[in-house]
């Protein structure tokens, strides 16, 4: 009978959804907004009286993080909710941000002394965050350190953070929040690493994070490059006779049918250069907005992706600012002479960081939507998408070979993945690390392409590493200088003769040829 009553109670809670009864010290009247995300234009509003408020929401399948904002105060806070009632208390206080460079001291509001009762996930998050803070120590100490000291400190910190994550999972193997920590811990790991982390969790834990990791493991098993690539002894060198130093600020490249390189610069100029570096053609479309990427089809038509923008008002730390936000994208199509052929809207595109035309499809990398969108090249209608990409630093790019295989630089996952046109995965490899076979930094690789012999080229930034993956593993191309600073994209294209072209905003276009 008791079991029946408990089941009935749980079912009743699920039907009722969740409720948060809150109290905020330091403010009496106001409005609390429940937002889907930071830029939610139409959040739900709940009145606050005498510092008290009640927020409700629909039933959830597991502890769910919600984002709340005090309207007109530019103060946000989050908490986990579960079906049923929970309580929240906190204190709103005024703080001052110290002067930084030319910026004077800034006053802002912040919530302190938070106490949340109703979901143990909040307690676990608090305990975990305290453990993380102990790993980071005094961040300001970096200002007086040499680069070598900073590098050493960061490496030591990464070891401490990984231990803190592992220790938490071992302490609470069946806790919901351990699944969240596991998702963070596996960032940049290969299949073997993911398997080891999942083994730390209680087998009964079935949270959304755990299910996603299991799906990733099932659908993205790493391959042994030496077993899937038959090409061997693939070596490249920088072609010093190539005259590419004049082509600055190139943000994307393509290859025309005559093997000439087509470049797009950050001011919207499109140039064509031959294999020696001589400029053949140049034109600049008369648009008020600057293109972000381009693609070239088999007829040498050039597809230019253009953001549609509007001015909006945003608040940050008490200051109101007018900024331009992208509302969508359109594509303008030109022939190789620069004559406009047509313009079309691209359905649902939020960003465009890379593009290709293949198999009569226009494909565009959209880092904000985390997809490679597949569009009709005549109408712009979205027909399909490769989903669940792992972009980072606002970078996401891919390439397509003559077999219509899509090779993605999934830099946020430190992986290279290949798919067919239906979205079926063909291969995956890579993990975070310092070895030549690994991908380093905060996220890599940023560019990737097949060679005609099946070998794979990858490009990493910060520091720059260009590598050829073949049956022999990874081999780095020597003699390539640092091409960008920090987390910046490095354009790369391969022509029909397997020559590589890379672009640096300050050093121009670099050509690499097989030895």
Protein backbone atom coordinates (compact mmCIF):
# COMPACT_ATOMS: atom_id res chain seq x y z
CA UNK A 1 0.00 0.00 0.00
CA UNK A 2 2.87 2.37 0.85
CA UNK A 3 4.49 1.79 -2.55
CA UNK A 4 1.20 2.59 -4.29
CA UNK A 5 0.87 5.83 -2.31
CA UNK A 6 4.44 6.88 -3.14
CA UNK A 7 3.90 6.20 -6.85
CA UNK A 8 0.66 8.17 -6.79
CA UNK A 9 2.40 11.07 -5.02
CA UNK A 10 5.24 11.16 -7.55
CA UNK A 11 2.78 11.02 -10.44
CA UNK A 12 0.80 13.90 -8.91
CA UNK A 13 3.99 16.00 -8.62
CA UNK A 14 4.85 15.30 -12.24
CA UNK A 15 1.42 16.40 -13.37
CA UNK A 16 1.65 19.57 -11.26
CA UNK A 17 5.10 20.57 -12.52
CA UNK A 18 7.50 22.58 -10.36
CA UNK A 19 7.21 25.63 -8.11
CA UNK A 20 9.89 27.89 -6.61
CA UNK A 21 8.94 30.03 -3.61
CA UNK A 22 11.63 32.70 -3.31
CA UNK A 23 12.72 35.52 -1.00
CA UNK A 24 15.29 38.16 -1.91
CA UNK A 25 16.76 40.50 0.68
CA UNK A 26 17.77 43.96 -0.51
CA UNK A 27 14.86 44.50 -2.88
CA UNK A 28 11.15 44.82 -2.16
CA UNK A 29 9.20 45.25 -5.40
CA UNK A 30 10.04 44.11 -8.88
CA UNK A 31 9.65 41.46 -11.57
CA UNK A 32 11.46 38.12 -11.88
CA UNK A 33 11.86 36.88 -15.46
CA UNK A 34 12.12 33.19 -16.36
CA UNK A 35 14.29 33.04 -19.50
CA UNK A 36 14.97 30.25 -21.98
CA UNK A 37 18.46 31.68 -22.51
CA UNK A 38 20.43 34.91 -22.08
CA UNK A 39 18.86 36.52 -25.17
CA UNK A 40 15.28 35.29 -24.71
CA UNK A 41 13.19 38.22 -26.11
CA UNK A 42 9.93 37.10 -24.44
CA UNK A 43 10.62 35.66 -20.98
CA UNK A 44 7.84 34.75 -18.56
CA UNK A 45 7.35 37.42 -15.89
CA UNK A 46 6.47 36.88 -12.21
CA UNK A 47 5.72 39.73 -9.79
CA UNK A 48 7.83 40.19 -6.65
CA UNK A 49 6.18 41.75 -3.58
CA UNK A 50 7.97 42.54 -0.30
CA UNK A 51 10.94 40.63 -1.68
CA UNK A 52 8.91 37.46 -2.20
CA UNK A 53 8.02 35.72 -5.45
CA UNK A 54 6.61 32.44 -6.75
CA UNK A 55 7.65 30.95 -10.07
CA UNK A 56 6.04 27.92 -11.69
CA UNK A 57 6.86 25.75 -14.64
CA UNK A 58 5.81 22.55 -16.44
CA UNK A 59 6.78 19.04 -15.38
CA UNK A 60 10.40 17.98 -15.95
CA UNK A 61 11.88 14.50 -16.38
CA UNK A 62 14.98 15.23 -14.28
CA UNK A 63 16.54 18.11 -12.31
CA UNK A 64 16.59 21.03 -14.74
CA UNK A 65 18.58 24.27 -14.54
CA UNK A 66 16.49 27.41 -14.98
CA UNK A 67 17.72 30.96 -15.64
CA UNK A 68 16.12 33.84 -13.73
CA UNK A 69 16.67 37.56 -14.11
CA UNK A 70 15.60 40.56 -12.00
CA UNK A 71 14.02 42.84 -14.56
CA UNK A 72 15.75 46.22 -15.06
CA UNK A 73 18.54 45.23 -12.62
CA UNK A 74 20.76 43.21 -15.01
CA UNK A 75 21.05 40.51 -12.34
CA UNK A 76 20.76 36.83 -13.28
CA UNK A 77 20.82 33.67 -11.21
CA UNK A 78 20.13 30.00 -11.81
CA UNK A 79 19.04 26.95 -9.89
CA UNK A 80 17.95 23.37 -10.42
CA UNK A 81 14.24 22.59 -10.14
CA UNK A 82 12.37 19.31 -9.80
CA UNK A 83 8.68 18.49 -9.88
CA UNK A 84 7.04 19.74 -6.67
CA UNK A 85 7.94 22.73 -4.49
CA UNK A 86 11.34 24.20 -3.63
CA UNK A 87 12.48 27.33 -1.79
CA UNK A 88 15.08 29.92 -2.67
CA UNK A 89 16.58 32.70 -0.53
CA UNK A 90 19.31 35.19 -1.34
CA UNK A 91 20.54 38.72 -0.72
CA UNK A 92 20.92 41.39 -3.41
CA UNK A 93 23.98 43.58 -2.77
CA UNK A 94 25.82 46.31 -4.65
CA UNK A 95 29.42 45.62 -5.69
CA UNK A 96 32.12 47.60 -7.44
CA UNK A 97 34.35 46.29 -10.19
CA UNK A 98 37.87 47.76 -9.91
CA UNK A 99 39.26 49.95 -12.68
CA UNK A 100 40.79 47.96 -15.54
CA UNK A 101 42.98 49.72 -18.12
CA UNK A 102 41.04 52.73 -19.40
CA UNK A 103 37.82 51.52 -17.82
CA UNK A 104 36.82 53.35 -14.59
CA UNK A 105 35.39 51.43 -11.60
CA UNK A 106 31.94 50.00 -12.34
CA UNK A 107 29.13 49.39 -9.84
CA UNK A 108 26.90 46.36 -10.30
CA UNK A 109 24.39 44.24 -8.38
CA UNK A 110 25.07 40.68 -7.26
CA UNK A 111 23.24 37.98 -5.28
CA UNK A 112 24.95 36.46 -2.23
CA UNK A 113 24.06 34.02 0.59
CA UNK A 114 21.98 31.76 -1.65
CA UNK A 115 20.15 28.85 0.00
CA UNK A 116 18.15 26.46 -2.19
CA UNK A 117 16.03 23.63 -0.82
CA UNK A 118 14.12 21.17 -2.97
CA UNK A 119 16.69 19.57 -5.28
CA UNK A 120 19.91 17.97 -4.08
CA UNK A 121 21.42 18.86 -7.46
CA UNK A 122 21.83 22.44 -6.14
CA UNK A 123 23.78 21.18 -3.10
CA UNK A 124 25.99 19.04 -5.31
CA UNK A 125 26.63 21.92 -7.71
CA UNK A 126 27.64 24.16 -4.80
CA UNK A 127 29.99 21.52 -3.38
CA UNK A 128 31.54 20.89 -6.78
CA UNK A 129 32.05 24.60 -7.52
CA UNK A 130 33.80 25.05 -4.18
CA UNK A 131 36.16 22.20 -5.08
CA UNK A 132 36.86 23.87 -8.43
CA UNK A 133 37.61 27.23 -6.82
CA UNK A 134 40.23 25.53 -4.67
CA UNK A 135 41.90 24.30 -7.88
CA UNK A 136 42.19 27.75 -9.44
CA UNK A 137 43.77 29.66 -6.57
CA UNK A 138 44.69 33.32 -7.11
CA UNK A 139 44.03 34.15 -10.77
CA UNK A 140 45.52 37.65 -10.38
CA UNK A 141 48.92 36.06 -9.66
CA UNK A 142 49.30 35.46 -13.42
CA UNK A 143 49.87 39.17 -14.04
CA UNK A 144 53.35 38.96 -12.50
CA UNK A 145 54.36 35.65 -14.10
CA UNK A 146 56.45 34.85 -17.15
CA UNK A 147 54.86 32.93 -20.05
CA UNK A 148 56.63 29.75 -18.94
CA UNK A 149 55.30 30.16 -15.39
CA UNK A 150 51.76 30.77 -16.67
CA UNK A 151 51.94 27.67 -18.88
CA UNK A 152 53.13 25.56 -15.96
CA UNK A 153 50.42 26.93 -13.68
CA UNK A 154 47.69 26.21 -16.26
CA UNK A 155 48.93 22.64 -16.74
CA UNK A 156 48.98 22.04 -12.98
CA UNK A 157 45.50 23.53 -12.70
CA UNK A 158 44.14 21.22 -15.40
CA UNK A 159 45.46 18.21 -13.45
CA UNK A 160 43.79 19.47 -10.25
CA UNK A 161 40.48 20.12 -12.03
CA UNK A 162 40.46 16.65 -13.57
CA UNK A 163 41.11 15.13 -10.13
CA UNK A 164 38.32 17.22 -8.57
CA UNK A 165 35.91 16.03 -11.26
CA UNK A 166 36.92 12.39 -10.85
CA UNK A 167 36.75 12.59 -7.03
CA UNK A 168 33.23 14.05 -7.16
CA UNK A 169 31.96 11.28 -9.44
CA UNK A 170 33.52 8.61 -7.22
CA UNK A 171 31.91 10.20 -4.14
CA UNK A 172 28.43 10.42 -5.73
CA UNK A 173 28.36 7.77 -8.49
CA UNK A 174 24.56 7.63 -8.63
CA UNK A 175 23.86 11.39 -8.35
CA UNK A 176 22.29 13.35 -11.19
CA UNK A 177 24.94 16.06 -10.99
CA UNK A 178 27.68 13.45 -11.43
CA UNK A 179 26.37 12.97 -14.95
CA UNK A 180 26.85 16.70 -15.54
CA UNK A 181 30.41 16.50 -14.18
CA UNK A 182 31.09 13.43 -16.35
CA UNK A 183 30.07 15.39 -19.44
CA UNK A 184 32.63 18.09 -18.55
CA UNK A 185 35.33 15.59 -17.67
CA UNK A 186 35.05 13.78 -21.01
CA UNK A 187 35.53 17.01 -22.99
CA UNK A 188 38.34 16.34 -25.46
CA UNK A 189 38.55 12.62 -24.66
CA UNK A 190 38.53 9.82 -27.20
CA UNK A 191 36.25 6.76 -26.99
CA UNK A 192 38.51 4.95 -24.52
CA UNK A 193 38.48 7.93 -22.17
CA UNK A 194 34.68 8.20 -22.30
CA UNK A 195 34.37 4.49 -21.49
CA UNK A 196 36.60 4.92 -18.43
CA UNK A 197 34.54 7.85 -17.12
CA UNK A 198 31.22 6.06 -17.66
CA UNK A 199 32.62 3.11 -15.69
CA UNK A 200 32.92 5.41 -12.64
CA UNK A 201 29.17 6.08 -12.63
CA UNK A 202 26.52 3.86 -11.10
CA UNK A 203 25.01 1.69 -13.88
CA UNK A 204 21.52 2.75 -12.78
CA UNK A 205 22.16 6.45 -13.50
CA UNK A 206 20.20 7.36 -16.63
CA UNK A 207 20.33 11.15 -16.82
CA UNK A 208 20.28 12.99 -20.14
CA UNK A 209 24.03 13.69 -19.89
CA UNK A 210 24.80 10.01 -19.34
CA UNK A 211 22.53 8.93 -22.19
CA UNK A 212 24.24 11.44 -24.50
CA UNK A 213 27.68 10.11 -23.55
CA UNK A 214 26.53 6.55 -24.20
CA UNK A 215 25.07 7.56 -27.56
CA UNK A 216 28.31 9.36 -28.43
CA UNK A 217 30.24 6.25 -27.54
CA UNK A 218 27.96 4.03 -29.61
CA UNK A 219 27.87 6.31 -32.66
CA UNK A 220 31.34 7.86 -32.64
CA UNK A 221 33.80 5.07 -31.98
CA UNK A 222 37.31 6.21 -32.79
CA UNK A 223 39.13 4.49 -35.63
CA UNK A 224 42.78 3.60 -35.89
CA UNK A 225 44.04 5.89 -38.66
CA UNK A 226 46.68 3.38 -39.76
CA UNK A 227 43.87 0.89 -40.44
CA UNK A 228 41.54 3.16 -42.44
CA UNK A 229 44.00 5.24 -44.49
CA UNK A 230 46.09 3.30 -47.00
CA UNK A 231 48.29 6.22 -48.12
CA UNK A 232 51.76 6.23 -46.56
CA UNK A 233 54.95 8.30 -46.66
CA UNK A 234 52.96 11.49 -47.26
CA UNK A 235 55.14 14.54 -46.68
CA UNK A 236 54.74 18.24 -47.47
CA UNK A 237 56.88 21.36 -47.42
CA UNK A 238 56.25 25.10 -47.70
CA UNK A 239 56.56 26.34 -51.29
CA UNK A 240 58.89 29.33 -50.79
CA UNK A 241 58.53 30.57 -54.39
CA UNK A 242 54.78 31.14 -54.00
CA UNK A 243 54.08 34.88 -53.87
CA UNK A 244 51.21 35.07 -51.36
CA UNK A 245 52.37 37.68 -48.87
CA UNK A 246 50.21 40.44 -50.41
CA UNK A 247 46.91 38.64 -49.77
CA UNK A 248 46.10 39.79 -46.24
CA UNK A 249 42.92 39.48 -44.15
CA UNK A 250 41.65 36.42 -46.04
CA UNK A 251 38.77 34.83 -44.09
CA UNK A 252 37.87 31.97 -46.47
CA UNK A 253 39.04 30.26 -49.66
CA UNK A 254 37.78 28.07 -52.46
CA UNK A 255 39.14 26.40 -55.60
CA UNK A 256 37.95 27.13 -59.13
CA UNK A 257 37.78 24.50 -61.87
CA UNK A 258 41.08 25.76 -63.38
CA UNK A 259 42.79 25.17 -60.01
CA UNK A 260 43.01 28.89 -59.24
CA UNK A 261 42.46 29.94 -55.63
CA UNK A 262 39.49 32.15 -54.82
CA UNK A 263 39.82 34.23 -51.64
CA UNK A 264 37.31 36.20 -49.57
CA UNK A 265 38.73 39.02 -47.43
CA UNK A 266 37.16 40.53 -44.33
CA UNK A 267 36.05 43.67 -46.24
CA UNK A 268 34.09 41.52 -48.73
CA UNK A 269 36.57 41.61 -51.63
CA UNK A 270 36.80 38.43 -53.71
CA UNK A 271 40.10 37.75 -55.47
CA UNK A 272 41.36 34.99 -57.76
CA UNK A 273 45.06 34.04 -57.72
CA UNK A 274 46.95 31.42 -59.72
CA UNK A 275 49.32 28.70 -58.52
CA UNK A 276 52.29 31.12 -58.45
CA UNK A 277 50.47 33.76 -56.39
CA UNK A 278 49.65 36.14 -59.27
CA UNK A 279 46.33 38.01 -58.98
CA UNK A 280 43.99 37.12 -61.87
CA UNK A 281 40.76 38.86 -60.93
CA UNK A 282 39.21 40.96 -58.15
CA UNK A 283 35.73 42.32 -57.39
CA UNK A 284 33.84 43.61 -54.37
CA UNK A 285 30.05 43.13 -54.21
CA UNK A 286 28.15 46.34 -53.41
CA UNK A 287 26.55 45.22 -50.13
CA UNK A 288 26.06 47.19 -46.91
CA UNK A 289 26.95 44.05 -44.93
CA UNK A 290 30.18 42.08 -45.02
CA UNK A 291 30.13 38.39 -46.06
CA UNK A 292 31.27 35.77 -43.55
CA UNK A 293 32.06 32.84 -45.84
CA UNK A 294 31.66 31.56 -49.41
CA UNK A 295 31.50 28.42 -51.56
CA UNK A 296 32.18 27.61 -55.22
CA UNK A 297 30.22 25.15 -57.38
CA UNK A 298 31.41 23.07 -60.34
CA UNK A 299 30.47 25.87 -62.77
CA UNK A 300 32.66 28.35 -60.83
CA UNK A 301 29.65 30.22 -59.45
CA UNK A 302 30.52 31.87 -56.13
CA UNK A 303 28.02 31.63 -53.25
CA UNK A 304 28.53 34.43 -50.71
CA UNK A 305 26.89 34.21 -47.26
CA UNK A 306 25.62 37.56 -45.93
CA UNK A 307 24.25 38.19 -42.41
CA UNK A 308 20.98 40.09 -42.00
CA UNK A 309 21.23 42.44 -39.02
CA UNK A 310 19.16 44.84 -36.94
CA UNK A 311 19.93 47.20 -34.08
CA UNK A 312 18.76 46.10 -30.63
CA UNK A 313 19.12 47.44 -27.09
CA UNK A 314 21.00 45.35 -24.53
CA UNK A 315 21.91 45.94 -20.89
CA UNK A 316 25.20 44.89 -19.33
CA UNK A 317 26.14 45.62 -15.72
CA UNK A 318 23.64 48.44 -15.51
CA UNK A 319 24.64 50.05 -18.82
CA UNK A 320 22.30 50.22 -21.81
CA UNK A 321 23.95 49.73 -25.18
CA UNK A 322 22.78 49.57 -28.77
CA UNK A 323 24.30 46.66 -30.68
CA UNK A 324 23.79 45.01 -34.05
CA UNK A 325 22.47 41.45 -33.92
CA UNK A 326 22.19 38.93 -36.73
CA UNK A 327 18.61 37.87 -37.47
CA UNK A 328 19.27 35.51 -40.36
CA UNK A 329 21.31 34.96 -43.52
CA UNK A 330 20.95 35.34 -47.24
CA UNK A 331 23.15 34.01 -50.03
CA UNK A 332 24.19 36.04 -53.08
CA UNK A 333 25.42 34.05 -56.09
CA UNK A 334 27.95 35.48 -58.59
CA UNK A 335 29.71 34.10 -61.63
CA UNK A 336 33.51 34.12 -61.69
CA UNK A 337 33.50 37.59 -63.34
CA UNK A 338 31.65 39.10 -60.40
CA UNK A 339 28.23 39.39 -62.06
CA UNK A 340 25.35 38.76 -59.64
CA UNK A 341 23.09 35.88 -60.68
CA UNK A 342 20.58 35.66 -57.82
CA UNK A 343 20.00 36.17 -54.10
CA UNK A 344 18.11 33.87 -51.74
CA UNK A 345 17.31 33.60 -48.05
CA UNK A 346 18.80 30.65 -46.15
CA UNK A 347 16.21 29.01 -43.91
CA UNK A 348 16.98 29.01 -40.18
CA UNK A 349 20.66 29.93 -40.42
CA UNK A 350 22.01 31.86 -37.43
CA UNK A 351 25.71 31.96 -38.34
CA UNK A 352 27.82 30.97 -41.35
CA UNK A 353 31.46 30.07 -40.73
CA UNK A 354 32.18 27.65 -43.57
CA UNK A 355 30.52 26.57 -46.81
CA UNK A 356 30.82 24.10 -49.68
CA UNK A 357 28.78 23.17 -52.76
CA UNK A 358 28.74 19.46 -53.64
CA UNK A 359 26.28 16.93 -55.05
CA UNK A 360 24.00 19.83 -56.05
CA UNK A 361 23.69 20.91 -52.40
CA UNK A 362 24.82 24.06 -50.63
CA UNK A 363 26.22 23.15 -47.21
CA UNK A 364 26.89 25.79 -44.55
CA UNK A 365 28.51 25.41 -41.12
CA UNK A 366 26.40 27.14 -38.45
CA UNK A 367 28.31 27.20 -35.14
CA UNK A 368 25.46 28.82 -33.20
CA UNK A 369 22.97 26.12 -34.22
CA UNK A 370 25.75 23.50 -33.92
CA UNK A 371 24.96 22.06 -37.34
CA UNK A 372 26.12 21.68 -40.92
CA UNK A 373 23.01 22.83 -42.77
CA UNK A 374 22.17 21.38 -46.19
CA UNK A 375 20.31 23.79 -48.50
CA UNK A 376 18.82 23.85 -51.98
CA UNK A 377 21.35 25.92 -53.98
CA UNK A 378 18.58 27.49 -56.09
CA UNK A 379 15.98 28.39 -53.45
CA UNK A 380 17.87 28.41 -50.14
CA UNK A 381 15.37 25.99 -48.61
CA UNK A 382 16.86 23.89 -45.82
CA UNK A 383 16.69 20.20 -46.71
CA UNK A 384 18.70 18.49 -43.97
CA UNK A 385 21.38 19.00 -41.34
CA UNK A 386 24.27 17.23 -39.69
CA UNK A 387 23.50 17.92 -36.03
CA UNK A 388 25.23 17.88 -32.63
CA UNK A 389 28.43 19.49 -33.83
CA UNK A 390 30.87 20.71 -31.15
CA UNK A 391 32.01 24.19 -32.23
CA UNK A 392 34.16 26.45 -30.08
CA UNK A 393 35.51 30.03 -30.28
CA UNK A 394 32.77 30.79 -32.87
CA UNK A 395 34.58 28.43 -35.29
CA UNK A 396 33.11 25.51 -37.26
CA UNK A 397 34.34 24.35 -40.67
CA UNK A 398 34.32 21.28 -42.90
CA UNK A 399 35.25 20.07 -46.37
CA UNK A 400 33.78 17.69 -48.96
CA UNK A 401 35.75 15.33 -51.22
CA UNK A 402 34.92 13.98 -54.69
CA UNK A 403 33.10 11.03 -53.08
CA UNK A 404 30.73 13.49 -51.37
CA UNK A 405 32.11 12.58 -47.97
CA UNK A 406 31.83 15.43 -45.47
CA UNK A 407 34.87 15.88 -43.21
CA UNK A 408 34.21 18.05 -40.13
CA UNK A 409 36.74 19.82 -37.91
CA UNK A 410 34.74 19.21 -34.72
CA UNK A 411 37.11 21.34 -32.67
CA UNK A 412 35.06 21.57 -29.46
CA UNK A 413 35.34 17.79 -29.17
CA UNK A 414 39.00 17.71 -30.31
CA UNK A 415 37.93 15.33 -33.07
CA UNK A 416 37.76 14.88 -36.81
CA UNK A 417 34.58 13.22 -38.03
CA UNK A 418 33.48 12.15 -41.50
CA UNK A 419 29.87 11.64 -42.65
CA UNK A 420 28.10 10.67 -45.83
CA UNK A 421 25.36 12.88 -47.26
CA UNK A 422 22.69 11.13 -45.16
CA UNK A 423 24.50 11.97 -41.93
CA UNK A 424 25.86 8.47 -41.32
CA UNK A 425 29.23 8.63 -39.61
CA UNK A 426 32.10 7.12 -41.57
CA UNK A 427 35.00 7.73 -39.20
CA UNK A 428 36.05 9.64 -36.10
CA UNK A 429 39.40 10.16 -34.43
CA UNK A 430 41.25 12.54 -32.15
CA UNK A 431 41.59 13.56 -28.53
CA UNK A 432 43.00 16.45 -26.54
CA UNK A 433 46.73 16.19 -25.90
CA UNK A 434 50.22 17.42 -26.75
CA UNK A 435 51.41 14.50 -28.89
CA UNK A 436 51.62 14.95 -32.66
CA UNK A 437 48.65 12.62 -33.14
CA UNK A 438 46.55 14.65 -30.65
CA UNK A 439 44.93 18.09 -30.85
CA UNK A 440 46.15 20.76 -28.45
CA UNK A 441 44.93 24.07 -27.01
CA UNK A 442 41.45 25.08 -25.91
CA UNK A 443 39.91 23.58 -29.06
CA UNK A 444 41.29 22.10 -32.29
CA UNK A 445 41.45 21.43 -35.24
CA UNK A 446 39.96 24.49 -36.97
CA UNK A 447 40.28 23.26 -40.58
CA UNK A 448 40.35 19.83 -42.17
CA UNK A 449 40.40 18.26 -45.67
CA UNK A 450 40.95 15.02 -47.54
CA UNK A 451 43.80 14.55 -50.02
CA UNK A 452 43.05 12.56 -53.17
CA UNK A 453 44.97 9.55 -51.81
CA UNK A 454 42.73 9.40 -48.72
CA UNK A 455 45.15 11.08 -46.30
CA UNK A 456 43.70 13.81 -44.08
CA UNK A 457 45.04 17.33 -43.48
CA UNK A 458 44.30 19.12 -40.20
CA UNK A 459 45.09 22.68 -39.10
CA UNK A 460 45.50 23.72 -35.45
CA UNK A 461 45.87 27.22 -34.03
CA UNK A 462 47.66 28.64 -31.02
CA UNK A 463 50.31 27.47 -31.85
CA UNK A 464 49.85 26.70 -35.54
CA UNK A 465 50.30 23.03 -36.49
CA UNK A 466 49.46 21.66 -39.94
CA UNK A 467 49.50 17.85 -39.99
CA UNK A 468 49.02 15.08 -42.52
CA UNK A 469 47.33 11.94 -41.14
CA UNK A 470 48.18 8.79 -43.10
CA UNK A 471 48.89 5.12 -42.49
CA UNK A 472 52.00 6.30 -40.60
CA UNK A 473 50.01 8.45 -38.16
CA UNK A 474 50.33 12.24 -38.02
CA UNK A 475 53.24 14.12 -39.56
CA UNK A 476 53.61 17.86 -39.04
CA UNK A 477 54.59 20.13 -41.92
CA UNK A 478 57.74 21.98 -40.94
CA UNK A 479 58.52 25.62 -41.62
CA UNK A 480 55.03 27.10 -41.09
CA UNK A 481 55.15 30.19 -38.90
CA UNK A 482 52.51 31.16 -36.35
CA UNK A 483 49.55 32.19 -38.54
CA UNK A 484 47.10 33.69 -36.03
CA UNK A 485 46.96 34.96 -32.47
CA UNK A 486 44.81 33.20 -29.90
CA UNK A 487 41.57 31.38 -30.75
CA UNK A 488 41.26 32.38 -34.41
CA UNK A 489 40.23 30.46 -37.49
CA UNK A 490 42.85 29.52 -40.12
CA UNK A 491 41.36 29.08 -43.63
CA UNK A 492 42.71 26.10 -45.57
CA UNK A 493 41.88 24.65 -48.99
CA UNK A 494 43.25 21.77 -51.11
CA UNK A 495 43.33 22.06 -54.91
CA UNK A 496 42.87 19.29 -57.48
CA UNK A 497 46.65 18.67 -57.50
CA UNK A 498 46.71 18.18 -53.70
CA UNK A 499 48.48 21.48 -53.08
CA UNK A 500 47.56 23.07 -49.74
CA UNK A 501 46.80 26.76 -49.26
CA UNK A 502 46.53 28.38 -45.83
CA UNK A 503 45.73 32.01 -44.98
CA UNK A 504 47.02 34.30 -42.24
CA UNK A 505 45.50 37.76 -41.66
CA UNK A 506 48.95 39.32 -41.30
CA UNK A 507 51.25 37.06 -43.37
CA UNK A 508 49.13 36.35 -46.41
CA UNK A 509 48.52 33.05 -48.18
CA UNK A 510 50.96 30.15 -47.72
CA UNK A 511 51.25 27.27 -50.18
CA UNK A 512 52.44 23.75 -49.27
CA UNK A 513 53.35 21.07 -51.82
CA UNK A 514 54.02 17.36 -51.59
CA UNK A 515 57.64 16.27 -51.33
